[in-house]
C-alpha atoms as a PDB file:
ATOM      1  CA  MET A   1     -41.919 -40.620 -29.167  1.00  0.00           C
ATOM      2  CA  LYS A   2     -41.208 -39.854 -25.509  1.00  0.00           C
ATOM      3  CA  LYS A   3     -39.346 -43.525 -25.147  1.00  0.00           C
ATOM      4  CA  THR A   4     -37.161 -42.516 -28.236  1.00  0.00           C
ATOM      5  CA  LEU A   5     -36.468 -38.785 -27.245  1.00  0.00           C
ATOM      6  CA  SER A   6     -34.865 -40.263 -23.959  1.00  0.00           C
ATOM      7  CA  ILE A   7     -32.804 -42.837 -25.398  1.00  0.00           C
ATOM      8  CA  LEU A   8     -31.352 -40.237 -27.797  1.00  0.00           C
ATOM      9  CA  LEU A   9     -30.983 -38.057 -24.785  1.00  0.00           C
ATOM     10  CA  ALA A  10     -29.069 -40.443 -22.805  1.00  0.00           C
ATOM     11  CA  VAL A  11     -26.749 -41.519 -25.797  1.00  0.00           C
ATOM     12  CA  ALA A  12     -25.771 -37.770 -26.374  1.00  0.00           C
ATOM     13  CA  LEU A  13     -25.231 -37.235 -22.867  1.00  0.00           C
ATOM     14  CA  THR A  14     -22.948 -40.604 -22.494  1.00  0.00           C
ATOM     15  CA  ALA A  15     -20.991 -39.469 -25.785  1.00  0.00           C
ATOM     16  CA  GLY A  16     -20.360 -35.656 -24.167  1.00  0.00           C
ATOM     17  CA  LEU A  17     -19.287 -37.074 -20.851  1.00  0.00           C
ATOM     18  CA  ALA A  18     -16.621 -39.442 -23.119  1.00  0.00           C
ATOM     19  CA  GLY A  19     -15.776 -36.471 -25.171  1.00  0.00           C
ATOM     20  CA  CYS A  20     -14.447 -34.322 -21.721  1.00  0.00           C
ATOM     21  CA  GLY A  21     -12.669 -37.366 -20.263  1.00  0.00           C
ATOM     22  CA  ALA A  22     -10.707 -37.771 -23.902  1.00  0.00           C
ATOM     23  CA  LYS A  23      -9.768 -33.753 -23.837  1.00  0.00           C
ATOM     24  CA  GLN A  24      -8.161 -34.122 -20.171  1.00  0.00           C
ATOM     25  CA  THR A  25      -6.272 -37.552 -21.140  1.00  0.00           C
ATOM     26  CA  SER A  26      -5.212 -37.000 -24.628  1.00  0.00           C
ATOM     27  CA  PRO A  27      -5.125 -32.945 -25.617  1.00  0.00           C
ATOM     28  CA  ALA A  28      -4.736 -31.837 -29.218  1.00  0.00           C
ATOM     29  CA  SER A  29      -0.698 -30.838 -28.130  1.00  0.00           C
ATOM     30  CA  GLY A  30      -0.007 -34.348 -27.010  1.00  0.00           C
ATOM     31  CA  THR A  31       1.236 -33.252 -23.285  1.00  0.00           C
ATOM     32  CA  PRO A  32       0.560 -35.321 -20.619  1.00  0.00           C
ATOM     33  CA  THR A  33      -1.934 -33.202 -18.124  1.00  0.00           C
ATOM     34  CA  SER A  34      -2.600 -34.204 -14.842  1.00  0.00           C
ATOM     35  CA  THR A  35      -4.674 -37.017 -15.544  1.00  0.00           C
ATOM     36  CA  GLY A  36      -2.188 -38.476 -17.680  1.00  0.00           C
ATOM     37  CA  SER A  37       1.175 -39.818 -17.366  1.00  0.00           C
ATOM     38  CA  SER A  38       3.652 -37.485 -15.171  1.00  0.00           C
ATOM     39  CA  GLU A  39       7.046 -39.238 -16.189  1.00  0.00           C
ATOM     40  CA  LYS A  40       9.421 -36.411 -16.993  1.00  0.00           C
ATOM     41  CA  LYS A  41      10.692 -36.258 -20.530  1.00  0.00           C
ATOM     42  CA  ILE A  42      12.447 -33.175 -20.921  1.00  0.00           C
ATOM     43  CA  ILE A  43      15.788 -32.850 -18.613  1.00  0.00           C
ATOM     44  CA  LYS A  44      17.393 -29.523 -18.058  1.00  0.00           C
ATOM     45  CA  VAL A  45      21.118 -29.658 -17.240  1.00  0.00           C
ATOM     46  CA  GLY A  46      23.789 -26.447 -16.745  1.00  0.00           C
ATOM     47  CA  ALA A  47      27.265 -27.128 -17.814  1.00  0.00           C
ATOM     48  CA  SER A  48      30.578 -25.298 -18.606  1.00  0.00           C
ATOM     49  CA  PRO A  49      31.044 -24.764 -22.459  1.00  0.00           C
ATOM     50  CA  VAL A  50      34.117 -27.005 -22.592  1.00  0.00           C
ATOM     51  CA  PRO A  51      34.183 -30.008 -22.393  1.00  0.00           C
ATOM     52  CA  HIS A  52      31.006 -29.996 -20.304  1.00  0.00           C
ATOM     53  CA  LYS A  53      28.737 -28.938 -22.900  1.00  0.00           C
ATOM     54  CA  GLU A  54      30.370 -31.197 -25.859  1.00  0.00           C
ATOM     55  CA  ILE A  55      29.825 -34.132 -23.833  1.00  0.00           C
ATOM     56  CA  LEU A  56      26.188 -33.333 -23.421  1.00  0.00           C
ATOM     57  CA  GLU A  57      25.885 -32.825 -27.123  1.00  0.00           C
ATOM     58  CA  VAL A  58      27.263 -36.697 -27.588  1.00  0.00           C
ATOM     59  CA  VAL A  59      24.465 -37.586 -24.911  1.00  0.00           C
ATOM     60  CA  LYS A  60      21.408 -36.142 -26.515  1.00  0.00           C
ATOM     61  CA  PRO A  61      21.045 -38.614 -29.433  1.00  0.00           C
ATOM     62  CA  LEU A  62      21.632 -41.124 -26.822  1.00  0.00           C
ATOM     63  CA  LEU A  63      18.811 -40.248 -24.587  1.00  0.00           C
ATOM     64  CA  GLU A  64      16.164 -39.452 -27.539  1.00  0.00           C
ATOM     65  CA  LYS A  65      16.617 -43.020 -27.916  1.00  0.00           C
ATOM     66  CA  LYS A  66      15.187 -43.546 -24.439  1.00  0.00           C
ATOM     67  CA  GLY A  67      12.623 -40.802 -24.971  1.00  0.00           C
ATOM     68  CA  TYR A  68      13.910 -37.760 -23.289  1.00  0.00           C
ATOM     69  CA  LYS A  69      15.013 -34.586 -24.449  1.00  0.00           C
ATOM     70  CA  LEU A  70      17.983 -32.731 -22.899  1.00  0.00           C
ATOM     71  CA  GLU A  71      18.238 -28.929 -22.575  1.00  0.00           C
ATOM     72  CA  ILE A  72      21.497 -27.337 -21.846  1.00  0.00           C
ATOM     73  CA  THR A  73      21.872 -24.197 -20.151  1.00  0.00           C
ATOM     74  CA  GLU A  74      25.522 -22.868 -20.422  1.00  0.00           C
ATOM     75  CA  PHE A  75      27.294 -21.594 -17.262  1.00  0.00           C
ATOM     76  CA  THR A  76      30.334 -19.768 -16.869  1.00  0.00           C
ATOM     77  CA  ASP A  77      30.758 -19.688 -13.212  1.00  0.00           C
ATOM     78  CA  TYR A  78      30.973 -22.087 -10.262  1.00  0.00           C
ATOM     79  CA  VAL A  79      28.362 -20.940  -8.289  1.00  0.00           C
ATOM     80  CA  GLN A  80      24.867 -20.357  -9.872  1.00  0.00           C
ATOM     81  CA  PRO A  81      24.536 -23.993 -11.627  1.00  0.00           C
ATOM     82  CA  ASN A  82      24.235 -25.439  -8.023  1.00  0.00           C
ATOM     83  CA  LEU A  83      22.043 -22.852  -6.660  1.00  0.00           C
ATOM     84  CA  ALA A  84      19.938 -23.332  -9.799  1.00  0.00           C
ATOM     85  CA  VAL A  85      19.547 -27.128  -9.022  1.00  0.00           C
ATOM     86  CA  ASN A  86      18.798 -26.335  -5.402  1.00  0.00           C
ATOM     87  CA  ASP A  87      16.046 -24.159  -6.647  1.00  0.00           C
ATOM     88  CA  GLY A  88      14.687 -26.612  -9.166  1.00  0.00           C
ATOM     89  CA  GLN A  89      15.216 -24.308 -12.045  1.00  0.00           C
ATOM     90  CA  LEU A  90      17.514 -27.282 -13.075  1.00  0.00           C
ATOM     91  CA  ASP A  91      17.336 -30.932 -12.918  1.00  0.00           C
ATOM     92  CA  ALA A  92      21.062 -31.464 -12.693  1.00  0.00           C
ATOM     93  CA  ASN A  93      24.581 -29.684 -13.676  1.00  0.00           C
ATOM     94  CA  PHE A  94      27.958 -31.053 -14.815  1.00  0.00           C
ATOM     95  CA  PHE A  95      30.610 -29.103 -14.065  1.00  0.00           C
ATOM     96  CA  GLN A  96      32.350 -29.514 -11.000  1.00  0.00           C
ATOM     97  CA  HIS A  97      34.270 -32.240  -8.698  1.00  0.00           C
ATOM     98  CA  VAL A  98      33.339 -33.979  -5.463  1.00  0.00           C
ATOM     99  CA  PRO A  99      35.271 -31.624  -3.063  1.00  0.00           C
ATOM    100  CA  TYR A 100      33.909 -28.540  -4.699  1.00  0.00           C
ATOM    101  CA  LEU A 101      30.558 -29.809  -4.324  1.00  0.00           C
ATOM    102  CA  GLN A 102      30.989 -31.033  -1.034  1.00  0.00           C
ATOM    103  CA  ASN A 103      32.191 -27.902   0.262  1.00  0.00           C
ATOM    104  CA  MET A 104      29.407 -25.765  -1.524  1.00  0.00           C
ATOM    105  CA  VAL A 105      26.839 -27.905   0.088  1.00  0.00           C
ATOM    106  CA  LYS A 106      28.173 -27.001   3.441  1.00  0.00           C
ATOM    107  CA  GLU A 107      28.659 -23.680   2.859  1.00  0.00           C
ATOM    108  CA  LYS A 108      25.338 -23.065   1.535  1.00  0.00           C
ATOM    109  CA  ASN A 109      23.184 -25.513   2.843  1.00  0.00           C
ATOM    110  CA  LEU A 110      22.074 -27.121  -0.106  1.00  0.00           C
ATOM    111  CA  SER A 111      20.521 -30.471  -0.795  1.00  0.00           C
ATOM    112  CA  LEU A 112      22.508 -31.783  -3.618  1.00  0.00           C
ATOM    113  CA  ASP A 113      24.653 -35.053  -4.559  1.00  0.00           C
ATOM    114  CA  TYR A 114      26.025 -36.611  -7.161  1.00  0.00           C
ATOM    115  CA  THR A 115      25.452 -39.825  -9.153  1.00  0.00           C
ATOM    116  CA  VAL A 116      28.396 -40.439 -11.635  1.00  0.00           C
ATOM    117  CA  LYS A 117      32.054 -39.580 -11.894  1.00  0.00           C
ATOM    118  CA  VAL A 118      32.353 -38.889 -15.976  1.00  0.00           C
ATOM    119  CA  HIS A 119      36.100 -37.269 -16.472  1.00  0.00           C
ATOM    120  CA  LEU A 120      39.109 -35.608 -15.084  1.00  0.00           C
ATOM    121  CA  GLU A 121      40.502 -32.421 -16.487  1.00  0.00           C
ATOM    122  CA  PRO A 122      44.169 -32.115 -14.963  1.00  0.00           C
ATOM    123  CA  MET A 123      44.844 -28.661 -13.493  1.00  0.00           C
ATOM    124  CA  GLY A 124      48.044 -27.341 -14.950  1.00  0.00           C
ATOM    125  CA  VAL A 125      50.431 -24.116 -14.245  1.00  0.00           C
ATOM    126  CA  TYR A 126      50.816 -21.772 -17.347  1.00  0.00           C
ATOM    127  CA  SER A 127      52.883 -18.942 -18.262  1.00  0.00           C
ATOM    128  CA  LYS A 128      53.940 -16.313 -20.878  1.00  0.00           C
ATOM    129  CA  LYS A 129      56.818 -15.093 -19.071  1.00  0.00           C
ATOM    130  CA  VAL A 130      58.701 -18.314 -18.648  1.00  0.00           C
ATOM    131  CA  LYS A 131      59.278 -21.320 -20.828  1.00  0.00           C
ATOM    132  CA  ALA A 132      60.030 -23.655 -17.317  1.00  0.00           C
ATOM    133  CA  ILE A 133      58.613 -23.763 -14.010  1.00  0.00           C
ATOM    134  CA  THR A 134      62.190 -23.707 -12.674  1.00  0.00           C
ATOM    135  CA  GLU A 135      62.545 -20.195 -14.228  1.00  0.00           C
ATOM    136  CA  LEU A 136      60.433 -18.571 -12.024  1.00  0.00           C
ATOM    137  CA  LYS A 137      62.371 -15.656 -10.395  1.00  0.00           C
ATOM    138  CA  ASP A 138      62.097 -14.647  -6.623  1.00  0.00           C
ATOM    139  CA  GLY A 139      59.212 -13.039  -5.486  1.00  0.00           C
ATOM    140  CA  ALA A 140      57.114 -14.381  -8.846  1.00  0.00           C
ATOM    141  CA  SER A 141      53.412 -13.557  -8.948  1.00  0.00           C
ATOM    142  CA  ILE A 142      51.113 -16.298  -9.353  1.00  0.00           C
ATOM    143  CA  ALA A 143      47.023 -16.296  -9.561  1.00  0.00           C
ATOM    144  CA  VAL A 144      45.370 -19.356  -8.022  1.00  0.00           C
ATOM    145  CA  PRO A 145      41.582 -19.704  -8.029  1.00  0.00           C
ATOM    146  CA  ASN A 146      39.946 -18.290  -5.073  1.00  0.00           C
ATOM    147  CA  ASP A 147      37.309 -20.663  -4.233  1.00  0.00           C
ATOM    148  CA  PRO A 148      38.446 -23.052  -1.152  1.00  0.00           C
ATOM    149  CA  THR A 149      38.668 -26.717  -3.145  1.00  0.00           C
ATOM    150  CA  ASN A 150      40.618 -25.670  -6.542  1.00  0.00           C
ATOM    151  CA  GLU A 151      42.476 -23.287  -4.698  1.00  0.00           C
ATOM    152  CA  ALA A 152      43.880 -26.318  -2.199  1.00  0.00           C
ATOM    153  CA  ARG A 153      44.064 -28.370  -5.544  1.00  0.00           C
ATOM    154  CA  ALA A 154      45.960 -25.621  -7.284  1.00  0.00           C
ATOM    155  CA  LEU A 155      48.874 -25.366  -4.503  1.00  0.00           C
ATOM    156  CA  ARG A 156      48.831 -28.785  -4.206  1.00  0.00           C
ATOM    157  CA  VAL A 157      49.852 -28.716  -8.235  1.00  0.00           C
ATOM    158  CA  LEU A 158      52.529 -26.374  -6.879  1.00  0.00           C
ATOM    159  CA  GLU A 159      53.998 -28.455  -3.999  1.00  0.00           C
ATOM    160  CA  ASN A 160      54.359 -31.367  -6.704  1.00  0.00           C
ATOM    161  CA  ALA A 161      56.421 -29.076  -8.795  1.00  0.00           C
ATOM    162  CA  GLY A 162      58.683 -28.491  -6.038  1.00  0.00           C
ATOM    163  CA  LEU A 163      57.945 -24.668  -5.638  1.00  0.00           C
ATOM    164  CA  ILE A 164      56.260 -24.810  -2.268  1.00  0.00           C
ATOM    165  CA  LYS A 165      55.602 -26.997   0.748  1.00  0.00           C
ATOM    166  CA  LEU A 166      52.315 -27.377   2.505  1.00  0.00           C
ATOM    167  CA  LYS A 167      50.582 -28.453   5.926  1.00  0.00           C
ATOM    168  CA  SER A 168      48.576 -31.454   5.568  1.00  0.00           C
ATOM    169  CA  GLY A 169      44.818 -31.144   4.870  1.00  0.00           C
ATOM    170  CA  ASP A 170      42.098 -30.950   2.119  1.00  0.00           C
ATOM    171  CA  LEU A 171      41.198 -27.347   2.197  1.00  0.00           C
ATOM    172  CA  VAL A 172      44.601 -25.848   2.439  1.00  0.00           C
ATOM    173  CA  THR A 173      45.164 -21.837   1.445  1.00  0.00           C
ATOM    174  CA  ALA A 174      48.462 -20.135   0.968  1.00  0.00           C
ATOM    175  CA  ILE A 175      48.627 -18.963   5.004  1.00  0.00           C
ATOM    176  CA  ASP A 176      49.202 -23.109   5.074  1.00  0.00           C
ATOM    177  CA  ILE A 177      52.351 -22.860   3.171  1.00  0.00           C
ATOM    178  CA  THR A 178      55.321 -24.020   5.143  1.00  0.00           C
ATOM    179  CA  GLU A 179      58.317 -23.477   2.716  1.00  0.00           C
ATOM    180  CA  ASN A 180      58.294 -20.714   0.039  1.00  0.00           C
ATOM    181  CA  PRO A 181      62.030 -20.546  -0.745  1.00  0.00           C
ATOM    182  CA  LYS A 182      61.258 -18.444  -4.052  1.00  0.00           C
ATOM    183  CA  ASN A 183      59.188 -15.909  -2.092  1.00  0.00           C
ATOM    184  CA  LEU A 184      56.174 -16.698  -4.088  1.00  0.00           C
ATOM    185  CA  LYS A 185      53.469 -14.101  -4.149  1.00  0.00           C
ATOM    186  CA  PHE A 186      49.707 -15.506  -4.590  1.00  0.00           C
ATOM    187  CA  LYS A 187      46.502 -13.988  -6.227  1.00  0.00           C
ATOM    188  CA  GLU A 188      43.485 -15.423  -5.617  1.00  0.00           C
ATOM    189  CA  LEU A 189      41.094 -15.118  -8.374  1.00  0.00           C
ATOM    190  CA  GLU A 190      37.788 -16.685  -9.780  1.00  0.00           C
ATOM    191  CA  ALA A 191      38.761 -19.520 -11.642  1.00  0.00           C
ATOM    192  CA  ALA A 192      37.267 -18.334 -14.977  1.00  0.00           C
ATOM    193  CA  GLN A 193      39.420 -15.288 -14.954  1.00  0.00           C
ATOM    194  CA  LEU A 194      42.738 -16.892 -14.637  1.00  0.00           C
ATOM    195  CA  PRO A 195      43.581 -17.301 -18.373  1.00  0.00           C
ATOM    196  CA  ARG A 196      43.077 -13.654 -18.798  1.00  0.00           C
ATOM    197  CA  THR A 197      45.746 -12.887 -16.156  1.00  0.00           C
ATOM    198  CA  LEU A 198      48.687 -14.539 -17.980  1.00  0.00           C
ATOM    199  CA  ASP A 199      49.605 -11.089 -19.193  1.00  0.00           C
ATOM    200  CA  ASP A 200      49.760  -9.547 -15.445  1.00  0.00           C
ATOM    201  CA  VAL A 201      51.081 -12.385 -13.687  1.00  0.00           C
ATOM    202  CA  ASP A 202      54.254 -14.626 -13.900  1.00  0.00           C
ATOM    203  CA  ALA A 203      52.129 -17.823 -13.934  1.00  0.00           C
ATOM    204  CA  ALA A 204      48.677 -18.962 -13.290  1.00  0.00           C
ATOM    205  CA  VAL A 205      47.567 -22.279 -12.063  1.00  0.00           C
ATOM    206  CA  ILE A 206      44.035 -23.142 -14.436  1.00  0.00           C
ATOM    207  CA  ASN A 207      41.580 -25.538 -14.490  1.00  0.00           C
ATOM    208  CA  GLY A 208      41.433 -27.807 -17.388  1.00  0.00           C
ATOM    209  CA  ASN A 209      37.882 -26.579 -19.003  1.00  0.00           C
ATOM    210  CA  TYR A 210      39.139 -22.887 -18.766  1.00  0.00           C
ATOM    211  CA  ALA A 211      42.584 -23.947 -19.968  1.00  0.00           C
ATOM    212  CA  LEU A 212      40.944 -25.465 -22.998  1.00  0.00           C
ATOM    213  CA  GLU A 213      38.489 -22.511 -23.572  1.00  0.00           C
ATOM    214  CA  ALA A 214      41.429 -20.413 -23.965  1.00  0.00           C
ATOM    215  CA  LYS A 215      43.382 -22.318 -26.723  1.00  0.00           C
ATOM    216  CA  LEU A 216      45.810 -23.833 -23.898  1.00  0.00           C
ATOM    217  CA  ASN A 217      47.070 -27.305 -24.515  1.00  0.00           C
ATOM    218  CA  PRO A 218      47.695 -29.068 -21.242  1.00  0.00           C
ATOM    219  CA  SER A 219      50.295 -31.433 -22.421  1.00  0.00           C
ATOM    220  CA  LYS A 220      52.336 -29.039 -24.442  1.00  0.00           C
ATOM    221  CA  ASP A 221      51.573 -25.607 -22.878  1.00  0.00           C
ATOM    222  CA  ALA A 222      51.606 -26.431 -18.976  1.00  0.00           C
ATOM    223  CA  LEU A 223      54.635 -26.194 -17.088  1.00  0.00           C
ATOM    224  CA  ALA A 224      53.413 -28.355 -14.600  1.00  0.00           C
ATOM    225  CA  ILE A 225      50.299 -30.658 -14.578  1.00  0.00           C
ATOM    226  CA  GLU A 226      48.304 -32.558 -11.909  1.00  0.00           C
ATOM    227  CA  ALA A 227      48.714 -36.115 -11.457  1.00  0.00           C
ATOM    228  CA  LYS A 228      46.379 -38.316 -13.568  1.00  0.00           C
ATOM    229  CA  ASP A 229      45.188 -40.243 -10.524  1.00  0.00           C
ATOM    230  CA  SER A 230      43.685 -37.128  -8.882  1.00  0.00           C
ATOM    231  CA  PRO A 231      40.539 -37.255  -7.059  1.00  0.00           C
ATOM    232  CA  PHE A 232      39.058 -34.398  -8.596  1.00  0.00           C
ATOM    233  CA  ALA A 233      36.892 -36.236 -11.184  1.00  0.00           C
ATOM    234  CA  ASN A 234      33.920 -34.018 -12.807  1.00  0.00           C
ATOM    235  CA  ILE A 235      30.757 -35.359 -12.085  1.00  0.00           C
ATOM    236  CA  LEU A 236      26.936 -35.304 -12.521  1.00  0.00           C
ATOM    237  CA  ALA A 237      25.226 -33.443  -9.664  1.00  0.00           C
ATOM    238  CA  VAL A 238      21.419 -33.522  -8.947  1.00  0.00           C
ATOM    239  CA  LYS A 239      19.064 -32.799  -6.026  1.00  0.00           C
ATOM    240  CA  LYS A 240      19.199 -35.814  -3.464  1.00  0.00           C
ATOM    241  CA  SER A 241      15.591 -36.073  -3.669  1.00  0.00           C
ATOM    242  CA  ASP A 242      15.819 -36.712  -7.389  1.00  0.00           C
ATOM    243  CA  LYS A 243      18.876 -39.081  -7.087  1.00  0.00           C
ATOM    244  CA  ASP A 244      16.857 -42.043  -7.944  1.00  0.00           C
ATOM    245  CA  LYS A 245      14.359 -41.137 -10.502  1.00  0.00           C
ATOM    246  CA  ASP A 246      14.267 -42.631 -13.694  1.00  0.00           C
ATOM    247  CA  TYR A 247      14.861 -39.867 -15.714  1.00  0.00           C
ATOM    248  CA  ILE A 248      18.229 -39.042 -13.778  1.00  0.00           C
ATOM    249  CA  LYS A 249      19.170 -42.412 -13.953  1.00  0.00           C
ATOM    250  CA  ALA A 250      19.121 -42.670 -17.947  1.00  0.00           C
ATOM    251  CA  LEU A 251      21.310 -39.200 -18.038  1.00  0.00           C
ATOM    252  CA  SER A 252      23.851 -40.638 -15.926  1.00  0.00           C
ATOM    253  CA  GLU A 253      23.870 -43.897 -17.602  1.00  0.00           C
ATOM    254  CA  ALA A 254      24.208 -41.666 -20.930  1.00  0.00           C
ATOM    255  CA  LEU A 255      27.520 -39.894 -19.397  1.00  0.00           C
ATOM    256  CA  THR A 256      29.072 -43.265 -18.479  1.00  0.00           C
ATOM    257  CA  SER A 257      28.282 -44.909 -22.112  1.00  0.00           C
ATOM    258  CA  PRO A 258      30.745 -46.377 -24.238  1.00  0.00           C
ATOM    259  CA  GLU A 259      30.163 -43.352 -26.564  1.00  0.00           C
ATOM    260  CA  VAL A 260      31.323 -40.934 -24.273  1.00  0.00           C
ATOM    261  CA  LYS A 261      34.438 -42.566 -23.438  1.00  0.00           C
ATOM    262  CA  GLN A 262      35.161 -43.056 -27.257  1.00  0.00           C
ATOM    263  CA  PHE A 263      34.397 -39.382 -27.886  1.00  0.00           C
ATOM    264  CA  LEU A 264      36.845 -38.593 -24.958  1.00  0.00           C
ATOM    265  CA  GLN A 265      39.684 -40.686 -26.090  1.00  0.00           C
ATOM    266  CA  ASN A 266      39.125 -39.722 -29.769  1.00  0.00           C
ATOM    267  CA  LYS A 267      39.093 -35.911 -29.253  1.00  0.00           C
ATOM    268  CA  TYR A 268      41.194 -35.010 -26.111  1.00  0.00           C
ATOM    269  CA  THR A 269      44.383 -37.389 -27.417  1.00  0.00           C
ATOM    270  CA  ASP A 270      46.812 -34.746 -25.729  1.00  0.00           C
ATOM    271  CA  GLY A 271      45.267 -36.208 -22.292  1.00  0.00           C
ATOM    272  CA  SER A 272      43.632 -32.902 -21.214  1.00  0.00           C
ATOM    273  CA  VAL A 273      40.491 -34.703 -20.417  1.00  0.00           C
ATOM    274  CA  ILE A 274      40.503 -38.026 -19.645  1.00  0.00           C
ATOM    275  CA  PRO A 275      37.681 -40.698 -18.722  1.00  0.00           C
ATOM    276  CA  ALA A 276      36.987 -41.414 -15.385  1.00  0.00           C
ATOM    277  CA  PHE A 277      34.636 -44.367 -15.742  1.00  0.00           C
END
């Protein structure tokens, strides 16, 4: 009897230990614990509404096939998305071009980089007061983005349109204008606000995504537009330490897939958004 009881207790103890181990590695919820797989399966990305969020919606099913779930957080400013990635609240963001990222990394001491260039949104000059760039009168007011890289970009568009001449350099501002024959007056405003200023200024130089949100058609409504060989392609920004991780590689591949290129070519036939890959 004693021998039989000892055997039964040993079997029960072994089964109990096995059961504890199973709970640690395979919880009922199906979510991996510290003793299970640590591979990240949910990717959190911050994006501007148009066209970035639209593009990410195309990417969702592509990532699902690889076992990843994409969560998109919408932003309407150019500062918070980078801070959120740097702080680890987001895994990546998709709203900006390389010069803007590089300037913010330097200015805010951020540990960010980019993986792929996805698309270009040509910047344009828009107006409710005139129908042609040559109709701008002496002393006309023009609104431009107030962040360094986009202001420089906007001024170069105006220079290429023959309105002003600028010093050489990457981050030029209004004080770097060397020739201004029409005595144009410049108002520096947050990029997202520019479409709403068209009733108050003679013209505004607006980023492509904000023009699209305001139902402005770059090919029809812009008085002047950025050249297609512009270096300001929009990118996927990530933390430097995450750049080579599998989930970031999967997201980068999906954003530069044939499906995304086809989506851009089919939806933006007016050339307002063009693939950069």
